[in-house]
C-alpha cells in the first residue's frame, strides 16, 4: 500500500480573527483532502496549522510538500 503524500499548509503569522490564519485556507485544503488513490485511500495527508516552531527545522521534517 502506497503512503499518502504528506502536505503542510501553514501560515507565517499567529492566529488573529481579523487577519489571515489557517482557517482561511479551507478552500485549498478541502479539494486536496477529497482526492483519493485508485485503492480508495486518501492521496494526501494534510496538516494545517498556524505559525509554530516547525518553521525553524522545516528542512528536517517528514513533509513532502510545504
N, C-alpha and C. Protein backbone atom coordinates (compact mmCIF):
# COMPACT_ATOMS: atom_id res chain seq x y z
N UNK A 1 0.84 -1.17 0.00
CA UNK A 1 0.00 0.00 0.00
C UNK A 1 0.89 1.24 0.00
N UNK A 2 0.63 2.15 -0.92
CA UNK A 2 1.40 3.38 -1.03
C UNK A 2 1.04 4.33 0.10
N UNK A 3 2.03 5.06 0.55
CA UNK A 3 1.84 6.04 1.61
C UNK A 3 1.35 7.35 1.02
N UNK A 4 0.38 7.99 1.67
CA UNK A 4 -0.13 9.28 1.23
C UNK A 4 0.97 10.33 1.28
N UNK A 5 0.95 11.25 0.33
CA UNK A 5 1.88 12.37 0.35
C UNK A 5 1.47 13.30 1.48
N UNK A 6 2.42 13.62 2.34
CA UNK A 6 2.13 14.48 3.50
C UNK A 6 2.41 15.93 3.11
N UNK A 7 1.39 16.78 3.24
CA UNK A 7 1.49 18.19 2.86
C UNK A 7 1.25 19.06 4.08
N UNK A 8 2.11 20.05 4.25
CA UNK A 8 1.96 21.02 5.33
C UNK A 8 1.43 22.33 4.76
N UNK A 9 0.28 22.78 5.27
CA UNK A 9 -0.25 24.11 4.98
C UNK A 9 -0.09 24.90 6.27
N UNK A 10 0.69 25.95 6.21
CA UNK A 10 0.97 26.70 7.43
C UNK A 10 1.07 28.18 7.13
N UNK A 11 0.42 28.98 7.96
CA UNK A 11 0.57 30.43 7.83
C UNK A 11 1.83 30.85 8.58
N UNK A 12 2.30 32.02 8.31
CA UNK A 12 3.51 32.51 8.96
C UNK A 12 3.20 33.58 10.00
N UNK A 13 1.94 33.69 10.37
CA UNK A 13 1.54 34.64 11.41
C UNK A 13 0.78 33.90 12.49
N UNK A 14 0.71 34.50 13.65
CA UNK A 14 -0.09 33.93 14.72
C UNK A 14 -1.57 34.12 14.41
N UNK A 15 -2.41 33.29 14.99
CA UNK A 15 -3.86 33.38 14.74
C UNK A 15 -4.42 34.70 15.25
N UNK A 16 -5.12 35.38 14.36
CA UNK A 16 -5.82 36.62 14.67
C UNK A 16 -7.14 36.56 13.91
N UNK A 17 -8.26 36.72 14.61
CA UNK A 17 -9.56 36.57 13.97
C UNK A 17 -9.78 37.52 12.80
N UNK A 18 -9.26 38.72 12.87
CA UNK A 18 -9.47 39.71 11.80
C UNK A 18 -8.35 39.72 10.77
N UNK A 19 -7.52 38.70 10.75
CA UNK A 19 -6.38 38.66 9.83
C UNK A 19 -6.28 37.24 9.27
N UNK A 20 -5.29 36.99 8.46
CA UNK A 20 -5.10 35.67 7.88
C UNK A 20 -4.74 34.67 8.96
N UNK A 21 -5.32 33.50 8.87
CA UNK A 21 -4.97 32.36 9.70
C UNK A 21 -5.28 31.11 8.89
N UNK A 22 -4.91 29.97 9.36
CA UNK A 22 -5.01 28.75 8.56
C UNK A 22 -6.45 28.40 8.20
N UNK A 23 -7.41 28.80 9.01
CA UNK A 23 -8.81 28.53 8.69
C UNK A 23 -9.26 29.17 7.39
N UNK A 24 -8.59 30.22 6.98
CA UNK A 24 -8.95 30.90 5.73
C UNK A 24 -8.50 30.13 4.50
N UNK A 25 -7.74 29.07 4.69
CA UNK A 25 -7.26 28.29 3.56
C UNK A 25 -8.08 27.02 3.34
N UNK A 26 -9.29 26.99 3.87
CA UNK A 26 -10.12 25.79 3.75
C UNK A 26 -10.46 25.46 2.30
N UNK A 27 -10.55 26.47 1.44
CA UNK A 27 -10.85 26.20 0.03
C UNK A 27 -9.68 25.53 -0.69
N UNK A 28 -8.49 25.65 -0.17
CA UNK A 28 -7.34 24.93 -0.71
C UNK A 28 -7.28 23.52 -0.11
N UNK A 29 -7.51 23.43 1.16
CA UNK A 29 -7.39 22.14 1.86
C UNK A 29 -8.46 21.14 1.43
N UNK A 30 -9.70 21.58 1.30
CA UNK A 30 -10.81 20.67 1.02
C UNK A 30 -10.63 19.82 -0.23
N UNK A 31 -10.28 20.40 -1.39
CA UNK A 31 -10.13 19.53 -2.57
C UNK A 31 -8.95 18.57 -2.47
N UNK A 32 -7.92 18.96 -1.76
CA UNK A 32 -6.78 18.05 -1.57
C UNK A 32 -7.17 16.86 -0.71
N UNK A 33 -7.97 17.10 0.32
CA UNK A 33 -8.43 16.01 1.18
C UNK A 33 -9.42 15.09 0.45
N UNK A 34 -10.10 15.60 -0.53
CA UNK A 34 -11.10 14.85 -1.29
C UNK A 34 -10.45 13.84 -2.24
N UNK A 35 -9.25 14.13 -2.73
CA UNK A 35 -8.59 13.28 -3.73
C UNK A 35 -8.22 11.93 -3.14
N UNK A 36 -8.50 10.88 -3.91
CA UNK A 36 -8.22 9.50 -3.48
C UNK A 36 -7.31 8.81 -4.50
N UNK A 37 -6.56 7.84 -4.01
CA UNK A 37 -5.78 6.97 -4.88
C UNK A 37 -6.72 5.94 -5.50
N UNK A 38 -6.24 5.18 -6.47
CA UNK A 38 -7.07 4.16 -7.10
C UNK A 38 -7.60 3.15 -6.08
N UNK A 39 -6.85 2.93 -5.02
CA UNK A 39 -7.25 1.98 -3.98
C UNK A 39 -8.36 2.53 -3.09
N UNK A 40 -8.64 3.83 -3.21
CA UNK A 40 -9.65 4.46 -2.36
C UNK A 40 -9.08 5.15 -1.14
N UNK A 41 -7.80 4.96 -0.90
CA UNK A 41 -7.14 5.63 0.22
C UNK A 41 -6.91 7.11 -0.11
N UNK A 42 -6.82 7.95 0.92
CA UNK A 42 -6.54 9.37 0.65
C UNK A 42 -5.20 9.54 -0.07
N UNK A 43 -5.17 10.42 -1.07
CA UNK A 43 -3.94 10.68 -1.81
C UNK A 43 -2.98 11.56 -1.01
N UNK A 44 -3.56 12.39 -0.13
CA UNK A 44 -2.75 13.34 0.64
C UNK A 44 -3.13 13.31 2.10
N UNK A 45 -2.13 13.47 2.94
CA UNK A 45 -2.34 13.72 4.37
C UNK A 45 -2.06 15.20 4.57
N UNK A 46 -3.08 15.97 4.91
CA UNK A 46 -2.95 17.42 5.03
C UNK A 46 -2.84 17.80 6.50
N UNK A 47 -1.79 18.52 6.83
CA UNK A 47 -1.63 19.09 8.16
C UNK A 47 -1.73 20.59 7.98
N UNK A 48 -2.72 21.21 8.62
CA UNK A 48 -2.94 22.65 8.50
C UNK A 48 -2.83 23.27 9.88
N UNK A 49 -1.99 24.31 9.99
CA UNK A 49 -1.81 24.95 11.28
C UNK A 49 -1.29 26.36 11.13
N UNK A 50 -1.49 27.13 12.17
CA UNK A 50 -0.93 28.47 12.21
C UNK A 50 0.54 28.36 12.62
N UNK A 51 1.21 29.46 12.58
CA UNK A 51 2.65 29.50 12.84
C UNK A 51 3.04 28.77 14.12
N UNK A 52 4.12 28.03 14.02
CA UNK A 52 4.74 27.42 15.20
C UNK A 52 6.22 27.23 14.93
N UNK A 53 6.91 26.59 15.82
CA UNK A 53 8.36 26.48 15.73
C UNK A 53 8.87 25.52 14.65
N UNK A 54 7.97 24.78 14.00
CA UNK A 54 8.42 23.85 12.97
C UNK A 54 9.13 24.56 11.82
N UNK A 55 8.84 25.83 11.61
CA UNK A 55 9.49 26.57 10.52
C UNK A 55 11.01 26.62 10.69
N UNK A 56 11.48 26.57 11.92
CA UNK A 56 12.92 26.60 12.16
C UNK A 56 13.62 25.35 11.66
N UNK A 57 12.92 24.24 11.60
CA UNK A 57 13.53 22.96 11.19
C UNK A 57 12.72 22.29 10.09
N UNK A 58 12.08 23.08 9.25
CA UNK A 58 11.22 22.52 8.21
C UNK A 58 11.97 21.58 7.28
N UNK A 59 13.23 21.90 7.00
CA UNK A 59 14.02 21.05 6.11
C UNK A 59 14.30 19.68 6.73
N UNK A 60 14.10 19.52 8.02
CA UNK A 60 14.32 18.24 8.69
C UNK A 60 13.01 17.48 8.93
N UNK A 61 11.88 18.04 8.49
CA UNK A 61 10.58 17.42 8.73
C UNK A 61 10.30 16.30 7.74
N UNK A 62 9.21 15.59 7.97
CA UNK A 62 8.83 14.49 7.08
C UNK A 62 7.76 14.89 6.08
N UNK A 63 7.60 16.19 5.83
CA UNK A 63 6.63 16.67 4.85
C UNK A 63 7.25 16.63 3.46
N UNK A 64 6.49 16.08 2.50
CA UNK A 64 6.97 16.07 1.12
C UNK A 64 6.72 17.40 0.44
N UNK A 65 5.62 18.06 0.80
CA UNK A 65 5.25 19.33 0.21
C UNK A 65 5.05 20.34 1.32
N UNK A 66 5.58 21.56 1.12
CA UNK A 66 5.45 22.61 2.13
C UNK A 66 5.19 23.92 1.44
